[in-house]
Amino acid sequence: MGTIFRAGPGGTITATVSKTYRVTASSNVSGSITAGEIAKATVSAGVSSAVSAEASTSYTYKRQISSGRYGNLQYGNYGTKVNITKTMIVSPCNVKTVASGTATVPSHNTWGYKYWES
């Protein structure tokens, strides 16, 4: 899942995750002109430009650790629990369950810290 941060015994544990995003867009426009059928002279001109933007976000987690204990933090994606069923068609109108269970799948909006003491 990721690195486990540990502090203690007692006190405070703090962790910060920072992310920087950079978006760059560029364009290049060019064209040519033929100066007559006989001379077939060609003139080319090109224009190019680029624009970029950068943004940063950070998330800080701070927690008091119980006296005499160690605080542990782990940052990660804890996902969403889903039910899974494997079935088999045994006749045109009959379905048989072969196996079933649960799985945890990653989710784009479930990032965070897991905290426990030891």
PDB file of N, CA and C in Angstrom:
ATOM      1  N   MET A   1       0.830  -1.179   0.000  1.00  0.00           N
ATOM      2  CA  MET A   1       0.000   0.000   0.000  1.00  0.00           C
ATOM      3  C   MET A   1       0.876   1.244   0.000  1.00  0.00           C
ATOM      4  N   GLY A   2       1.921   1.274   0.790  1.00  0.00           N
ATOM      5  CA  GLY A   2       2.765   2.460   0.831  1.00  0.00           C
ATOM      6  C   GLY A   2       3.622   2.473   2.078  1.00  0.00           C
ATOM      7  N   THR A   3       4.362   3.551   2.251  1.00  0.00           N
ATOM      8  CA  THR A   3       5.260   3.708   3.381  1.00  0.00           C
ATOM      9  C   THR A   3       4.469   3.965   4.654  1.00  0.00           C
ATOM     10  N   ILE A   4       4.926   3.361   5.747  1.00  0.00           N
ATOM     11  CA  ILE A   4       4.309   3.585   7.054  1.00  0.00           C
ATOM     12  C   ILE A   4       5.203   4.544   7.831  1.00  0.00           C
ATOM     13  N   PHE A   5       4.604   5.632   8.324  1.00  0.00           N
ATOM     14  CA  PHE A   5       5.315   6.599   9.152  1.00  0.00           C
ATOM     15  C   PHE A   5       4.989   6.307  10.602  1.00  0.00           C
ATOM     16  N   ARG A   6       6.029   6.388  11.466  1.00  0.00           N
ATOM     17  CA  ARG A   6       5.844   6.039  12.865  1.00  0.00           C
ATOM     18  C   ARG A   6       6.492   7.094  13.746  1.00  0.00           C
ATOM     19  N   ALA A   7       5.819   7.458  14.851  1.00  0.00           N
ATOM     20  CA  ALA A   7       6.363   8.425  15.811  1.00  0.00           C
ATOM     21  C   ALA A   7       5.940   8.012  17.208  1.00  0.00           C
ATOM     22  N   GLY A   8       6.703   8.457  18.195  1.00  0.00           N
ATOM     23  CA  GLY A   8       6.339   8.170  19.573  1.00  0.00           C
ATOM     24  C   GLY A   8       7.551   7.758  20.382  1.00  0.00           C
ATOM     25  N   PRO A   9       7.388   7.288  21.589  1.00  0.00           N
ATOM     26  CA  PRO A   9       6.098   7.103  22.248  1.00  0.00           C
ATOM     27  C   PRO A   9       5.490   8.436  22.662  1.00  0.00           C
ATOM     28  N   GLY A  10       4.172   8.507  22.564  1.00  0.00           N
ATOM     29  CA  GLY A  10       3.433   9.726  22.889  1.00  0.00           C
ATOM     30  C   GLY A  10       3.749  10.847  21.923  1.00  0.00           C
ATOM     31  N   GLY A  11       3.184  12.008  22.180  1.00  0.00           N
ATOM     32  CA  GLY A  11       3.463  13.181  21.354  1.00  0.00           C
ATOM     33  C   GLY A  11       2.463  13.358  20.228  1.00  0.00           C
ATOM     34  N   THR A  12       2.960  13.870  19.112  1.00  0.00           N
ATOM     35  CA  THR A  12       2.124  14.166  17.950  1.00  0.00           C
ATOM     36  C   THR A  12       2.770  13.576  16.706  1.00  0.00           C
ATOM     37  N   ILE A  13       1.946  13.084  15.794  1.00  0.00           N
ATOM     38  CA  ILE A  13       2.444  12.624  14.500  1.00  0.00           C
ATOM     39  C   ILE A  13       1.800  13.491  13.423  1.00  0.00           C
ATOM     40  N   THR A  14       2.622  13.947  12.485  1.00  0.00           N
ATOM     41  CA  THR A  14       2.150  14.801  11.394  1.00  0.00           C
ATOM     42  C   THR A  14       2.743  14.311  10.088  1.00  0.00           C
ATOM     43  N   ALA A  15       1.928  14.266   9.048  1.00  0.00           N
ATOM     44  CA  ALA A  15       2.407  13.904   7.716  1.00  0.00           C
ATOM     45  C   ALA A  15       1.714  14.786   6.693  1.00  0.00           C
ATOM     46  N   THR A  16       2.433  15.130   5.631  1.00  0.00           N
ATOM     47  CA  THR A  16       1.879  15.954   4.556  1.00  0.00           C
ATOM     48  C   THR A  16       2.172  15.301   3.217  1.00  0.00           C
ATOM     49  N   VAL A  17       1.160  15.234   2.382  1.00  0.00           N
ATOM     50  CA  VAL A  17       1.321  14.754   1.007  1.00  0.00           C
ATOM     51  C   VAL A  17       1.116  15.947   0.102  1.00  0.00           C
ATOM     52  N   SER A  18       2.083  16.212  -0.779  1.00  0.00           N
ATOM     53  CA  SER A  18       1.985  17.326  -1.722  1.00  0.00           C
ATOM     54  C   SER A  18       2.043  16.787  -3.142  1.00  0.00           C
ATOM     55  N   LYS A  19       1.223  17.357  -3.997  1.00  0.00           N
ATOM     56  CA  LYS A  19       1.201  16.964  -5.402  1.00  0.00           C
ATOM     57  C   LYS A  19       1.230  18.217  -6.259  1.00  0.00           C
ATOM     58  N   THR A  20       1.987  18.161  -7.340  1.00  0.00           N
ATOM     59  CA  THR A  20       2.055  19.259  -8.283  1.00  0.00           C
ATOM     60  C   THR A  20       1.577  18.762  -9.645  1.00  0.00           C
ATOM     61  N   TYR A  21       0.720  19.540 -10.263  1.00  0.00           N
ATOM     62  CA  TYR A  21       0.171  19.200 -11.569  1.00  0.00           C
ATOM     63  C   TYR A  21       0.625  20.247 -12.575  1.00  0.00           C
ATOM     64  N   ARG A  22       1.080  19.817 -13.742  1.00  0.00           N
ATOM     65  CA  ARG A  22       1.478  20.735 -14.793  1.00  0.00           C
ATOM     66  C   ARG A  22       0.718  20.387 -16.061  1.00  0.00           C
ATOM     67  N   VAL A  23       0.092  21.394 -16.617  1.00  0.00           N
ATOM     68  CA  VAL A  23      -0.650  21.228 -17.865  1.00  0.00           C
ATOM     69  C   VAL A  23       0.022  22.114 -18.911  1.00  0.00           C
ATOM     70  N   THR A  24       0.376  21.513 -20.049  1.00  0.00           N
ATOM     71  CA  THR A  24       1.026  22.247 -21.123  1.00  0.00           C
ATOM     72  C   THR A  24       0.243  22.046 -22.408  1.00  0.00           C
ATOM     73  N   ALA A  25      -0.009  23.137 -23.109  1.00  0.00           N
ATOM     74  CA  ALA A  25      -0.668  23.070 -24.415  1.00  0.00           C
ATOM     75  C   ALA A  25       0.204  23.812 -25.414  1.00  0.00           C
ATOM     76  N   SER A  26       0.391  23.220 -26.569  1.00  0.00           N
ATOM     77  CA  SER A  26       1.196  23.889 -27.588  1.00  0.00           C
ATOM     78  C   SER A  26       0.511  23.767 -28.937  1.00  0.00           C
ATOM     79  N   SER A  27       0.813  24.720 -29.800  1.00  0.00           N
ATOM     80  CA  SER A  27       0.263  24.679 -31.147  1.00  0.00           C
ATOM     81  C   SER A  27       1.323  25.154 -32.124  1.00  0.00           C
ATOM     82  N   ASN A  28       1.231  24.660 -33.323  1.00  0.00           N
ATOM     83  CA  ASN A  28       2.155  25.045 -34.374  1.00  0.00           C
ATOM     84  C   ASN A  28       1.337  25.238 -35.642  1.00  0.00           C
ATOM     85  N   VAL A  29       1.362  26.435 -36.190  1.00  0.00           N
ATOM     86  CA  VAL A  29       0.596  26.742 -37.389  1.00  0.00           C
ATOM     87  C   VAL A  29       1.574  27.128 -38.487  1.00  0.00           C
ATOM     88  N   SER A  30       1.434  26.534 -39.659  1.00  0.00           N
ATOM     89  CA  SER A  30       2.286  26.904 -40.787  1.00  0.00           C
ATOM     90  C   SER A  30       1.470  26.873 -42.063  1.00  0.00           C
ATOM     91  N   GLY A  31       1.938  27.570 -43.064  1.00  0.00           N
ATOM     92  CA  GLY A  31       1.257  27.596 -44.350  1.00  0.00           C
ATOM     93  C   GLY A  31       2.246  27.898 -45.455  1.00  0.00           C
ATOM     94  N   SER A  32       1.839  27.670 -46.684  1.00  0.00           N
ATOM     95  CA  SER A  32       2.715  27.968 -47.813  1.00  0.00           C
ATOM     96  C   SER A  32       1.907  28.648 -48.911  1.00  0.00           C
ATOM     97  N   ILE A  33       2.600  29.466 -49.667  1.00  0.00           N
ATOM     98  CA  ILE A  33       1.981  30.193 -50.779  1.00  0.00           C
ATOM     99  C   ILE A  33       2.802  29.927 -52.029  1.00  0.00           C
ATOM    100  N   THR A  34       2.171  29.542 -53.099  1.00  0.00           N
ATOM    101  CA  THR A  34       2.855  29.359 -54.376  1.00  0.00           C
ATOM    102  C   THR A  34       2.664  30.633 -55.189  1.00  0.00           C
ATOM    103  N   ALA A  35       3.778  31.214 -55.627  1.00  0.00           N
ATOM    104  CA  ALA A  35       3.727  32.500 -56.336  1.00  0.00           C
ATOM    105  C   ALA A  35       3.652  32.274 -57.837  1.00  0.00           C
ATOM    106  N   GLY A  36       2.552  31.816 -58.330  1.00  0.00           N
ATOM    107  CA  GLY A  36       2.361  31.673 -59.767  1.00  0.00           C
ATOM    108  C   GLY A  36       2.665  30.277 -60.266  1.00  0.00           C
ATOM    109  N   GLU A  37       2.095  29.943 -61.406  1.00  0.00           N
ATOM    110  CA  GLU A  37       2.273  28.622 -61.989  1.00  0.00           C
ATOM    111  C   GLU A  37       3.638  28.460 -62.636  1.00  0.00           C
ATOM    112  N   ILE A  38       4.197  29.501 -63.187  1.00  0.00           N
ATOM    113  CA  ILE A  38       5.459  29.381 -63.927  1.00  0.00           C
ATOM    114  C   ILE A  38       6.646  29.363 -62.978  1.00  0.00           C
ATOM    115  N   ALA A  39       6.711  30.276 -62.037  1.00  0.00           N
ATOM    116  CA  ALA A  39       7.870  30.381 -61.151  1.00  0.00           C
ATOM    117  C   ALA A  39       7.851  29.303 -60.072  1.00  0.00           C
ATOM    118  N   LYS A  40       6.683  28.890 -59.657  1.00  0.00           N
ATOM    119  CA  LYS A  40       6.520  27.920 -58.588  1.00  0.00           C
ATOM    120  C   LYS A  40       7.379  28.245 -57.363  1.00  0.00           C
ATOM    121  N   ALA A  41       7.418  29.489 -57.014  1.00  0.00           N
ATOM    122  CA  ALA A  41       8.141  29.904 -55.819  1.00  0.00           C
ATOM    123  C   ALA A  41       7.234  29.678 -54.612  1.00  0.00           C
ATOM    124  N   THR A  42       7.793  29.152 -53.578  1.00  0.00           N
ATOM    125  CA  THR A  42       7.021  28.859 -52.378  1.00  0.00           C
ATOM    126  C   THR A  42       7.557  29.672 -51.214  1.00  0.00           C
ATOM    127  N   VAL A  43       6.654  30.274 -50.484  1.00  0.00           N
ATOM    128  CA  VAL A  43       7.005  31.019 -49.284  1.00  0.00           C
ATOM    129  C   VAL A  43       6.334  30.318 -48.112  1.00  0.00           C
ATOM    130  N   SER A  44       7.082  29.996 -47.084  1.00  0.00           N
ATOM    131  CA  SER A  44       6.525  29.339 -45.902  1.00  0.00           C
ATOM    132  C   SER A  44       6.697  30.228 -44.695  1.00  0.00           C
ATOM    133  N   ALA A  45       5.718  30.203 -43.845  1.00  0.00           N
ATOM    134  CA  ALA A  45       5.793  30.939 -42.583  1.00  0.00           C
ATOM    135  C   ALA A  45       5.273  30.044 -41.478  1.00  0.00           C
ATOM    136  N   GLY A  46       5.907  30.083 -40.355  1.00  0.00           N
ATOM    137  CA  GLY A  46       5.475  29.256 -39.238  1.00  0.00           C
ATOM    138  C   GLY A  46       5.328  30.074 -37.967  1.00  0.00           C
ATOM    139  N   VAL A  47       4.343  29.745 -37.195  1.00  0.00           N
ATOM    140  CA  VAL A  47       4.126  30.395 -35.907  1.00  0.00           C
ATOM    141  C   VAL A  47       3.898  29.281 -34.892  1.00  0.00           C
ATOM    142  N   SER A  48       4.610  29.318 -33.796  1.00  0.00           N
ATOM    143  CA  SER A  48       4.370  28.326 -32.752  1.00  0.00           C
ATOM    144  C   SER A  48       4.259  29.024 -31.415  1.00  0.00           C
ATOM    145  N   SER A  49       3.480  28.416 -30.527  1.00  0.00           N
ATOM    146  CA  SER A  49       3.327  28.979 -29.188  1.00  0.00           C
ATOM    147  C   SER A  49       3.073  27.850 -28.207  1.00  0.00           C
ATOM    148  N   ALA A  50       3.399  28.090 -26.955  1.00  0.00           N
ATOM    149  CA  ALA A  50       3.156  27.107 -25.904  1.00  0.00           C
ATOM    150  C   ALA A  50       2.699  27.843 -24.652  1.00  0.00           C
ATOM    151  N   VAL A  51       1.765  27.244 -23.958  1.00  0.00           N
ATOM    152  CA  VAL A  51       1.245  27.805 -22.714  1.00  0.00           C
ATOM    153  C   VAL A  51       1.273  26.696 -21.675  1.00  0.00           C
ATOM    154  N   SER A  52       1.747  26.991 -20.481  1.00  0.00           N
ATOM    155  CA  SER A  52       1.728  25.976 -19.433  1.00  0.00           C
ATOM    156  C   SER A  52       1.237  26.593 -18.130  1.00  0.00           C
ATOM    157  N   ALA A  53       0.628  25.767 -17.327  1.00  0.00           N
ATOM    158  CA  ALA A  53       0.131  26.194 -16.024  1.00  0.00           C
ATOM    159  C   ALA A  53       0.499  25.127 -15.007  1.00  0.00           C
ATOM    160  N   GLU A  54       0.767  25.557 -13.786  1.00  0.00           N
ATOM    161  CA  GLU A  54       1.161  24.617 -12.742  1.00  0.00           C
ATOM    162  C   GLU A  54       0.346  24.909 -11.488  1.00  0.00           C
ATOM    163  N   ALA A  55      -0.109  23.851 -10.844  1.00  0.00           N
ATOM    164  CA  ALA A  55      -0.876  24.005  -9.609  1.00  0.00           C
ATOM    165  C   ALA A  55      -0.389  22.976  -8.598  1.00  0.00           C
ATOM    166  N   SER A  56      -0.421  23.334  -7.348  1.00  0.00           N
ATOM    167  CA  SER A  56      -0.002  22.425  -6.282  1.00  0.00           C
ATOM    168  C   SER A  56      -1.110  22.300  -5.248  1.00  0.00           C
ATOM    169  N   THR A  57      -1.238  21.104  -4.700  1.00  0.00           N
ATOM    170  CA  THR A  57      -2.158  20.874  -3.600  1.00  0.00           C
ATOM    171  C   THR A  57      -1.429  20.085  -2.529  1.00  0.00           C
ATOM    172  N   SER A  58      -1.840  20.249  -1.302  1.00  0.00           N
ATOM    173  CA  SER A  58      -1.242  19.452  -0.228  1.00  0.00           C
ATOM    174  C   SER A  58      -2.316  19.105   0.793  1.00  0.00           C
ATOM    175  N   TYR A  59      -2.073  18.002   1.478  1.00  0.00           N
ATOM    176  CA  TYR A  59      -3.007  17.508   2.476  1.00  0.00           C
ATOM    177  C   TYR A  59      -2.194  17.127   3.705  1.00  0.00           C
ATOM    178  N   THR A  60      -2.486  17.722   4.851  1.00  0.00           N
ATOM    179  CA  THR A  60      -1.747  17.461   6.083  1.00  0.00           C
ATOM    180  C   THR A  60      -2.655  16.764   7.090  1.00  0.00           C
ATOM    181  N   TYR A  61      -2.107  15.743   7.710  1.00  0.00           N
ATOM    182  CA  TYR A  61      -2.826  15.001   8.741  1.00  0.00           C
ATOM    183  C   TYR A  61      -2.007  15.098  10.028  1.00  0.00           C
ATOM    184  N   LYS A  62      -2.653  15.501  11.132  1.00  0.00           N
ATOM    185  CA  LYS A  62      -1.962  15.655  12.415  1.00  0.00           C
ATOM    186  C   LYS A  62      -2.805  14.981  13.474  1.00  0.00           C
ATOM    187  N   ARG A  63      -2.152  14.217  14.345  1.00  0.00           N
ATOM    188  CA  ARG A  63      -2.900  13.487  15.360  1.00  0.00           C
ATOM    189  C   ARG A  63      -2.082  13.371  16.648  1.00  0.00           C
ATOM    190  N   GLN A  64      -2.769  13.478  17.757  1.00  0.00           N
ATOM    191  CA  GLN A  64      -2.163  13.288  19.073  1.00  0.00           C
ATOM    192  C   GLN A  64      -2.014  11.791  19.327  1.00  0.00           C
ATOM    193  N   ILE A  65      -0.833  11.371  19.811  1.00  0.00           N
ATOM    194  CA  ILE A  65      -0.578   9.962  20.110  1.00  0.00           C
ATOM    195  C   ILE A  65      -0.785   9.748  21.607  1.00  0.00           C
ATOM    196  N   SER A  66      -1.463   8.671  21.967  1.00  0.00           N
ATOM    197  CA  SER A  66      -1.684   8.355  23.382  1.00  0.00           C
ATOM    198  C   SER A  66      -0.343   8.174  24.091  1.00  0.00           C
ATOM    199  N   SER A  67      -0.310   8.565  25.361  1.00  0.00           N
ATOM    200  CA  SER A  67       0.910   8.470  26.159  1.00  0.00           C
ATOM    201  C   SER A  67       1.436   7.035  26.193  1.00  0.00           C
ATOM    202  N   GLY A  68       2.747   6.879  25.930  1.00  0.00           N
ATOM    203  CA  GLY A  68       3.384   5.570  25.979  1.00  0.00           C
ATOM    204  C   GLY A  68       3.143   4.710  24.740  1.00  0.00           C
ATOM    205  N   ARG A  69       2.398   5.206  23.764  1.00  0.00           N
ATOM    206  CA  ARG A  69       2.076   4.439  22.549  1.00  0.00           C
ATOM    207  C   ARG A  69       2.808   5.041  21.349  1.00  0.00           C
ATOM    208  N   TYR A  70       2.887   4.280  20.259  1.00  0.00           N
ATOM    209  CA  TYR A  70       3.462   4.740  18.999  1.00  0.00           C
ATOM    210  C   TYR A  70       2.328   4.972  18.002  1.00  0.00           C
ATOM    211  N   GLY A  71       2.380   6.100  17.299  1.00  0.00           N
ATOM    212  CA  GLY A  71       1.393   6.402  16.267  1.00  0.00           C
ATOM    213  C   GLY A  71       1.924   5.983  14.907  1.00  0.00           C
ATOM    214  N   ASN A  72       1.087   5.341  14.111  1.00  0.00           N
ATOM    215  CA  ASN A  72       1.465   4.870  12.778  1.00  0.00           C
ATOM    216  C   ASN A  72       0.532   5.482  11.742  1.00  0.00           C
ATOM    217  N   LEU A  73       1.107   5.981  10.648  1.00  0.00           N
ATOM    218  CA  LEU A  73       0.332   6.561   9.554  1.00  0.00           C
ATOM    219  C   LEU A  73       0.734   5.895   8.249  1.00  0.00           C
ATOM    220  N   GLN A  74      -0.267   5.624   7.426  1.00  0.00           N
ATOM    221  CA  GLN A  74      -0.001   5.080   6.095  1.00  0.00           C
ATOM    222  C   GLN A  74      -0.939   5.786   5.116  1.00  0.00           C
ATOM    223  N   TYR A  75      -0.368   6.388   4.063  1.00  0.00           N
ATOM    224  CA  TYR A  75      -1.152   7.097   3.063  1.00  0.00           C
ATOM    225  C   TYR A  75      -1.402   6.171   1.879  1.00  0.00           C
ATOM    226  N   GLY A  76      -2.626   6.130   1.405  1.00  0.00           N
ATOM    227  CA  GLY A  76      -2.903   5.275   0.257  1.00  0.00           C
ATOM    228  C   GLY A  76      -4.329   5.392  -0.226  1.00  0.00           C
ATOM    229  N   ASN A  77      -4.650   4.524  -1.174  1.00  0.00           N
ATOM    230  CA  ASN A  77      -5.990   4.455  -1.746  1.00  0.00           C
ATOM    231  C   ASN A  77      -6.664   3.236  -1.146  1.00  0.00           C
ATOM    232  N   TYR A  78      -7.696   3.459  -0.365  1.00  0.00           N
ATOM    233  CA  TYR A  78      -8.343   2.364   0.349  1.00  0.00           C
ATOM    234  C   TYR A  78      -9.555   1.816  -0.386  1.00  0.00           C
ATOM    235  N   GLY A  79      -9.867   2.363  -1.547  1.00  0.00           N
ATOM    236  CA  GLY A  79     -10.831   1.797  -2.471  1.00  0.00           C
ATOM    237  C   GLY A  79     -12.257   1.638  -1.979  1.00  0.00           C
ATOM    238  N   THR A  80     -13.000   0.901  -2.775  1.00  0.00           N
ATOM    239  CA  THR A  80     -14.406   0.637  -2.517  1.00  0.00           C
ATOM    240  C   THR A  80     -14.620  -0.863  -2.508  1.00  0.00           C
ATOM    241  N   LYS A  81     -15.336  -1.353  -1.526  1.00  0.00           N
ATOM    242  CA  LYS A  81     -15.613  -2.789  -1.434  1.00  0.00           C
ATOM    243  C   LYS A  81     -16.802  -3.121  -2.335  1.00  0.00           C
ATOM    244  N   VAL A  82     -16.635  -4.142  -3.183  1.00  0.00           N
ATOM    245  CA  VAL A  82     -17.709  -4.570  -4.087  1.00  0.00           C
ATOM    246  C   VAL A  82     -17.940  -6.069  -3.937  1.00  0.00           C
ATOM    247  N   ASN A  83     -19.171  -6.492  -4.186  1.00  0.00           N
ATOM    248  CA  ASN A  83     -19.515  -7.913  -4.178  1.00  0.00           C
ATOM    249  C   ASN A  83     -19.303  -8.479  -5.579  1.00  0.00           C
ATOM    250  N   ILE A  84     -18.718  -9.666  -5.648  1.00  0.00           N
ATOM    251  CA  ILE A  84     -18.458 -10.319  -6.928  1.00  0.00           C
ATOM    252  C   ILE A  84     -19.122 -11.687  -6.920  1.00  0.00           C
ATOM    253  N   THR A  85     -19.773 -12.018  -8.022  1.00  0.00           N
ATOM    254  CA  THR A  85     -20.412 -13.322  -8.160  1.00  0.00           C
ATOM    255  C   THR A  85     -20.063 -13.903  -9.526  1.00  0.00           C
ATOM    256  N   LYS A  86     -19.584 -15.140  -9.526  1.00  0.00           N
ATOM    257  CA  LYS A  86     -19.315 -15.845 -10.777  1.00  0.00           C
ATOM    258  C   LYS A  86     -20.469 -16.808 -11.005  1.00  0.00           C
ATOM    259  N   THR A  87     -21.082 -16.704 -12.190  1.00  0.00           N
ATOM    260  CA  THR A  87     -22.243 -17.545 -12.486  1.00  0.00           C
ATOM    261  C   THR A  87     -22.007 -18.373 -13.740  1.00  0.00           C
ATOM    262  N   MET A  88     -22.850 -19.378 -13.898  1.00  0.00           N
ATOM    263  CA  MET A  88     -22.777 -20.249 -15.066  1.00  0.00           C
ATOM    264  C   MET A  88     -24.201 -20.501 -15.550  1.00  0.00           C
ATOM    265  N   ILE A  89     -24.407 -20.410 -16.861  1.00  0.00           N
ATOM    266  CA  ILE A  89     -25.731 -20.695 -17.422  1.00  0.00           C
ATOM    267  C   ILE A  89     -25.849 -22.210 -17.586  1.00  0.00           C
ATOM    268  N   VAL A  90     -26.833 -22.801 -16.891  1.00  0.00           N
ATOM    269  CA  VAL A  90     -27.004 -24.261 -16.932  1.00  0.00           C
ATOM    270  C   VAL A  90     -28.152 -24.678 -17.851  1.00  0.00           C
ATOM    271  N   SER A  91     -29.017 -23.759 -18.177  1.00  0.00           N
ATOM    272  CA  SER A  91     -30.083 -24.001 -19.150  1.00  0.00           C
ATOM    273  C   SER A  91     -30.565 -22.635 -19.617  1.00  0.00           C
ATOM    274  N   PRO A  92     -31.349 -22.542 -20.666  1.00  0.00           N
ATOM    275  CA  PRO A  92     -31.750 -21.237 -21.192  1.00  0.00           C
ATOM    276  C   PRO A  92     -32.351 -20.284 -20.165  1.00  0.00           C
ATOM    277  N   CYS A  93     -32.982 -20.781 -19.134  1.00  0.00           N
ATOM    278  CA  CYS A  93     -33.615 -19.892 -18.158  1.00  0.00           C
ATOM    279  C   CYS A  93     -33.089 -20.106 -16.737  1.00  0.00           C
ATOM    280  N   ASN A  94     -31.933 -20.740 -16.594  1.00  0.00           N
ATOM    281  CA  ASN A  94     -31.444 -21.055 -15.265  1.00  0.00           C
ATOM    282  C   ASN A  94     -29.967 -20.687 -15.144  1.00  0.00           C
ATOM    283  N   VAL A  95     -29.638 -19.947 -14.085  1.00  0.00           N
ATOM    284  CA  VAL A  95     -28.263 -19.526 -13.819  1.00  0.00           C
ATOM    285  C   VAL A  95     -27.842 -20.084 -12.471  1.00  0.00           C
ATOM    286  N   LYS A  96     -26.636 -20.660 -12.417  1.00  0.00           N
ATOM    287  CA  LYS A  96     -26.116 -21.243 -11.182  1.00  0.00           C
ATOM    288  C   LYS A  96     -24.936 -20.402 -10.695  1.00  0.00           C
ATOM    289  N   THR A  97     -24.916 -20.080  -9.391  1.00  0.00           N
ATOM    290  CA  THR A  97     -23.791 -19.365  -8.798  1.00  0.00           C
ATOM    291  C   THR A  97     -22.668 -20.353  -8.538  1.00  0.00           C
ATOM    292  N   VAL A  98     -21.493 -20.092  -9.129  1.00  0.00           N
ATOM    293  CA  VAL A  98     -20.327 -20.963  -8.981  1.00  0.00           C
ATOM    294  C   VAL A  98     -19.469 -20.522  -7.797  1.00  0.00           C
ATOM    295  N   ALA A  99     -19.271 -19.214  -7.643  1.00  0.00           N
ATOM    296  CA  ALA A  99     -18.468 -18.668  -6.545  1.00  0.00           C
ATOM    297  C   ALA A  99     -18.911 -17.236  -6.281  1.00  0.00           C
ATOM    298  N   SER A 100     -18.668 -16.756  -5.058  1.00  0.00           N
ATOM    299  CA  SER A 100     -18.980 -15.363  -4.731  1.00  0.00           C
ATOM    300  C   SER A 100     -18.045 -14.884  -3.638  1.00  0.00           C
ATOM    301  N   GLY A 101     -17.915 -13.583  -3.531  1.00  0.00           N
ATOM    302  CA  GLY A 101     -17.043 -13.004  -2.512  1.00  0.00           C
ATOM    303  C   GLY A 101     -17.033 -11.498  -2.632  1.00  0.00           C
ATOM    304  N   THR A 102     -16.053 -10.868  -1.987  1.00  0.00           N
ATOM    305  CA  THR A 102     -15.907  -9.418  -2.045  1.00  0.00           C
ATOM    306  C   THR A 102     -14.502  -9.078  -2.500  1.00  0.00           C
ATOM    307  N   ALA A 103     -14.348  -7.904  -3.064  1.00  0.00           N
ATOM    308  CA  ALA A 103     -13.044  -7.395  -3.488  1.00  0.00           C
ATOM    309  C   ALA A 103     -13.018  -5.897  -3.228  1.00  0.00           C
ATOM    310  N   THR A 104     -11.821  -5.361  -3.036  1.00  0.00           N
ATOM    311  CA  THR A 104     -11.649  -3.928  -2.871  1.00  0.00           C
ATOM    312  C   THR A 104     -10.974  -3.402  -4.127  1.00  0.00           C
ATOM    313  N   VAL A 105     -11.628  -2.484  -4.812  1.00  0.00           N
ATOM    314  CA  VAL A 105     -11.090  -1.917  -6.041  1.00  0.00           C
ATOM    315  C   VAL A 105     -10.687  -0.464  -5.802  1.00  0.00           C
ATOM    316  N   PRO A 106      -9.585  -0.009  -6.420  1.00  0.00           N
ATOM    317  CA  PRO A 106      -9.151   1.378  -6.228  1.00  0.00           C
ATOM    318  C   PRO A 106     -10.212   2.361  -6.706  1.00  0.00           C
ATOM    319  N   SER A 107     -10.270   3.484  -6.038  1.00  0.00           N
ATOM    320  CA  SER A 107     -11.220   4.527  -6.398  1.00  0.00           C
ATOM    321  C   SER A 107     -10.483   5.856  -6.449  1.00  0.00           C
ATOM    322  N   HIS A 108     -10.834   6.712  -7.378  1.00  0.00           N
ATOM    323  CA  HIS A 108     -10.121   7.970  -7.557  1.00  0.00           C
ATOM    324  C   HIS A 108     -10.321   8.951  -6.398  1.00  0.00           C
ATOM    325  N   ASN A 109     -11.339   8.777  -5.588  1.00  0.00           N
ATOM    326  CA  ASN A 109     -11.605   9.775  -4.539  1.00  0.00           C
ATOM    327  C   ASN A 109     -11.513   9.213  -3.120  1.00  0.00           C
ATOM    328  N   THR A 110     -10.788   8.117  -2.931  1.00  0.00           N
ATOM    329  CA  THR A 110     -10.678   7.541  -1.588  1.00  0.00           C
ATOM    330  C   THR A 110      -9.237   7.515  -1.085  1.00  0.00           C
ATOM    331  N   TRP A 111      -8.460   8.532  -1.428  1.00  0.00           N
ATOM    332  CA  TRP A 111      -7.099   8.641  -0.924  1.00  0.00           C
ATOM    333  C   TRP A 111      -7.125   9.246   0.468  1.00  0.00           C
ATOM    334  N   GLY A 112      -6.257   8.784   1.327  1.00  0.00           N
ATOM    335  CA  GLY A 112      -6.194   9.361   2.659  1.00  0.00           C
ATOM    336  C   GLY A 112      -5.245   8.599   3.559  1.00  0.00           C
ATOM    337  N   TYR A 113      -5.240   8.954   4.845  1.00  0.00           N
ATOM    338  CA  TYR A 113      -4.366   8.339   5.828  1.00  0.00           C
ATOM    339  C   TYR A 113      -5.117   7.302   6.643  1.00  0.00           C
ATOM    340  N   LYS A 114      -4.440   6.225   6.939  1.00  0.00           N
ATOM    341  CA  LYS A 114      -4.926   5.223   7.870  1.00  0.00           C
ATOM    342  C   LYS A 114      -4.059   5.383   9.123  1.00  0.00           C
ATOM    343  N   TYR A 115      -4.683   5.493  10.288  1.00  0.00           N
ATOM    344  CA  TYR A 115      -3.950   5.705  11.541  1.00  0.00           C
ATOM    345  C   TYR A 115      -4.250   4.570  12.520  1.00  0.00           C
ATOM    346  N   TRP A 116      -3.188   4.112  13.213  1.00  0.00           N
ATOM    347  CA  TRP A 116      -3.371   3.157  14.301  1.00  0.00           C
ATOM    348  C   TRP A 116      -2.217   3.322  15.285  1.00  0.00           C
ATOM    349  N   GLU A 117      -2.455   2.829  16.486  1.00  0.00           N
ATOM    350  CA  GLU A 117      -1.420   2.919  17.534  1.00  0.00           C
ATOM    351  C   GLU A 117      -0.940   1.524  17.893  1.00  0.00           C
ATOM    352  N   SER A 118       0.322   1.460  18.283  1.00  0.00           N
ATOM    353  CA  SER A 118       0.906   0.199  18.727  1.00  0.00           C
ATOM    354  C   SER A 118       1.723   0.401  19.980  1.00  0.00           C
TER     355      SER A 118
END
